Amino acid sequence: MRNLALSVLLFTAACSSSGTAGGIDPLIDVEWRVVGLTGVDAAEPDRPHEASLTFRSDGRITGNAGCNGFFGDLGIGEDRVDIGPIGITEMACVDRADWFALFEVLSGELSVVVEGSTATLTSARGGTILIEYVEPDPPRETSGDPDQPVSTVNED
């Protein structure tokens, strides 16, 4: 009976995991925004030209690197992704810089650590990409009084 109780306890703990370092399921089929990039020689472009990416359950990665979209093959492991050759569109956007430095890190095998609404992707070469979950802002009502808290729900 004691072994059964311990097994149930371990199973419950495993099922309630927040996704930290124990799986990348929270990344799949969700749009993520790139918020940090380290370990590359090229400079990160100025905001607001944000890069975004989606790890798709059909074995593809898609995203936008500022002006151009990108796509590629995706292998999914328990705590890693393996990104095959990346293709990129060739839009001629003179006023927008693409995140070409992103592709230095995003190619090949990356270890993944998911922590709540953020995740860190780390390449074997030491480059890291910090991404955060893209979600719409909640509806807000303002009171007009700067000392009053802002409501995040409509109270109709």
Protein backbone atom coordinates (compact mmCIF):
# COMPACT_ATOMS: atom_id res chain seq x y z
CA MET A 1 0.00 0.00 0.00
CA ARG A 2 2.86 2.34 0.82
CA ASN A 3 4.39 1.78 -2.65
CA LEU A 4 1.03 2.55 -4.27
CA ALA A 5 0.75 5.82 -2.34
CA LEU A 6 4.30 6.78 -3.31
CA SER A 7 3.60 5.95 -6.97
CA VAL A 8 0.44 8.09 -6.94
CA LEU A 9 2.33 10.95 -5.31
CA LEU A 10 5.14 10.78 -7.90
CA PHE A 11 2.65 10.55 -10.77
CA THR A 12 0.73 13.57 -9.46
CA ALA A 13 3.92 15.60 -9.10
CA ALA A 14 4.98 14.70 -12.65
CA CYS A 15 1.60 15.68 -14.07
CA SER A 16 1.58 19.02 -12.29
CA SER A 17 4.99 20.06 -13.61
CA SER A 18 5.18 23.65 -14.85
CA GLY A 19 7.25 22.63 -17.85
CA THR A 20 10.59 23.65 -16.39
CA ALA A 21 13.44 21.65 -17.84
CA GLY A 22 11.21 18.59 -18.08
CA GLY A 23 9.58 18.96 -21.44
CA ILE A 24 8.87 21.40 -24.19
CA ASP A 25 5.16 20.71 -24.72
CA PRO A 26 4.27 24.30 -23.66
CA LEU A 27 6.28 25.61 -26.64
CA ILE A 28 4.40 23.70 -29.32
CA ASP A 29 1.83 25.47 -31.54
CA VAL A 30 2.18 28.76 -29.65
CA GLU A 31 3.65 32.02 -30.95
CA TRP A 32 6.73 33.21 -29.05
CA ARG A 33 8.45 36.61 -29.21
CA VAL A 34 12.25 36.86 -29.12
CA VAL A 35 13.19 39.13 -26.20
CA GLY A 36 16.88 38.35 -25.84
CA LEU A 37 19.78 37.07 -27.88
CA THR A 38 23.33 36.47 -26.62
CA GLY A 39 26.47 34.70 -27.78
CA VAL A 40 26.51 35.96 -31.38
CA ASP A 41 28.80 38.37 -33.18
CA ALA A 42 26.12 40.23 -35.14
CA ALA A 43 24.15 42.98 -33.45
CA GLU A 44 20.53 42.54 -32.44
CA PRO A 45 18.36 44.98 -34.42
CA ASP A 46 16.56 47.82 -32.69
CA ARG A 47 13.00 47.29 -31.55
CA PRO A 48 10.13 47.53 -32.56
CA HIS A 49 11.18 45.11 -35.28
CA GLU A 50 10.47 42.12 -33.10
CA ALA A 51 11.19 38.58 -34.14
CA SER A 52 8.67 35.85 -33.40
CA LEU A 53 8.63 32.10 -33.87
CA THR A 54 6.31 29.11 -33.61
CA PHE A 55 7.37 25.51 -33.02
CA ARG A 56 4.65 23.64 -34.89
CA SER A 57 3.43 20.13 -34.07
CA ASP A 58 3.71 19.21 -37.76
CA GLY A 59 7.54 19.24 -37.52
CA ARG A 60 8.11 22.77 -38.83
CA ILE A 61 9.31 26.03 -37.33
CA THR A 62 7.92 29.28 -38.73
CA GLY A 63 8.38 32.87 -37.75
CA ASN A 64 9.11 36.43 -38.65
CA ALA A 65 12.51 38.09 -38.38
CA GLY A 66 11.44 41.72 -38.70
CA CYS A 67 10.79 42.18 -42.39
CA ASN A 68 11.20 38.62 -43.62
CA GLY A 69 9.46 35.41 -42.67
CA PHE A 70 11.40 32.22 -42.04
CA PHE A 71 10.68 28.50 -41.92
CA GLY A 72 12.45 25.19 -41.48
CA ASP A 73 12.34 21.60 -40.31
CA LEU A 74 11.92 20.89 -36.62
CA GLY A 75 12.78 17.83 -34.57
CA ILE A 76 11.25 17.77 -31.10
CA GLY A 77 12.76 15.97 -28.12
CA GLU A 78 11.86 15.99 -24.43
CA ASP A 79 14.10 18.91 -23.55
CA ARG A 80 15.56 19.91 -26.91
CA VAL A 81 14.69 20.94 -30.44
CA ASP A 82 16.70 20.26 -33.57
CA ILE A 83 16.17 22.85 -36.27
CA GLY A 84 17.11 21.89 -39.81
CA PRO A 85 18.03 24.23 -42.63
CA ILE A 86 16.24 27.55 -42.31
CA GLY A 87 14.75 29.27 -45.32
CA ILE A 88 13.94 32.97 -45.35
CA THR A 89 11.87 35.15 -47.64
CA GLU A 90 13.71 37.86 -49.53
CA MET A 91 11.57 40.96 -49.09
CA ALA A 92 13.34 44.21 -49.93
CA CYS A 93 12.52 46.30 -46.87
CA VAL A 94 15.00 49.15 -46.70
CA ASP A 95 13.81 50.58 -43.38
CA ARG A 96 13.68 47.32 -41.42
CA ALA A 97 16.57 45.24 -40.21
CA ASP A 98 16.12 41.49 -39.93
CA TRP A 99 17.41 39.42 -37.06
CA PHE A 100 20.03 37.53 -39.06
CA ALA A 101 21.99 36.98 -35.84
CA LEU A 102 19.03 34.95 -34.61
CA PHE A 103 19.73 32.29 -37.24
CA GLU A 104 23.30 31.80 -35.92
CA VAL A 105 21.79 30.43 -32.71
CA LEU A 106 18.55 28.99 -34.07
CA SER A 107 20.22 26.43 -36.35
CA GLY A 108 21.01 22.93 -35.11
CA GLU A 109 20.28 21.32 -31.77
CA LEU A 110 19.15 23.55 -28.92
CA SER A 111 18.47 22.66 -25.31
CA VAL A 112 15.22 24.11 -24.00
CA VAL A 113 14.22 25.26 -20.52
CA VAL A 114 10.64 26.48 -20.12
CA GLU A 115 9.83 28.63 -17.09
CA GLY A 116 6.24 29.85 -17.02
CA SER A 117 5.68 32.25 -19.91
CA THR A 118 9.36 32.36 -20.93
CA ALA A 119 11.80 29.86 -22.35
CA THR A 120 15.54 29.79 -22.96
CA LEU A 121 17.01 28.05 -26.01
CA THR A 122 20.74 27.32 -25.80
CA SER A 123 22.92 26.12 -28.69
CA ALA A 124 25.92 23.81 -28.38
CA ARG A 125 28.06 26.84 -29.35
CA GLY A 126 26.80 28.75 -26.28
CA GLY A 127 24.41 31.18 -27.92
CA THR A 128 21.09 31.74 -26.17
CA ILE A 129 17.69 32.94 -27.26
CA LEU A 130 15.19 34.13 -24.66
CA ILE A 131 11.59 33.95 -25.82
CA GLU A 132 8.30 34.88 -24.18
CA TYR A 133 4.75 33.80 -24.81
CA VAL A 134 2.79 36.17 -27.03
CA GLU A 135 -0.71 36.75 -25.73
CA PRO A 136 -3.18 39.56 -26.20
CA ASP A 137 -3.32 42.19 -23.50
CA PRO A 138 -6.31 41.77 -21.21
CA PRO A 139 -9.12 44.32 -21.55
CA ARG A 140 -8.56 47.25 -19.21
CA GLU A 141 -10.69 50.01 -17.76
CA THR A 142 -9.08 53.19 -16.56
CA SER A 143 -10.56 55.20 -13.72
CA GLY A 144 -8.96 58.49 -14.71
CA ASP A 145 -7.39 58.65 -11.24
CA PRO A 146 -3.67 57.73 -11.33
CA ASP A 147 -3.84 56.62 -7.67
CA GLN A 148 -6.56 54.04 -8.35
CA PRO A 149 -5.65 50.53 -9.52
CA VAL A 150 -6.43 49.56 -13.09
CA SER A 151 -9.08 46.89 -13.57
CA THR A 152 -8.15 44.03 -15.86
CA VAL A 153 -11.74 42.93 -16.38
CA ASN A 154 -14.81 44.73 -17.57
CA GLU A 155 -17.28 44.97 -14.71
CA ASP A 156 -20.58 45.26 -16.61
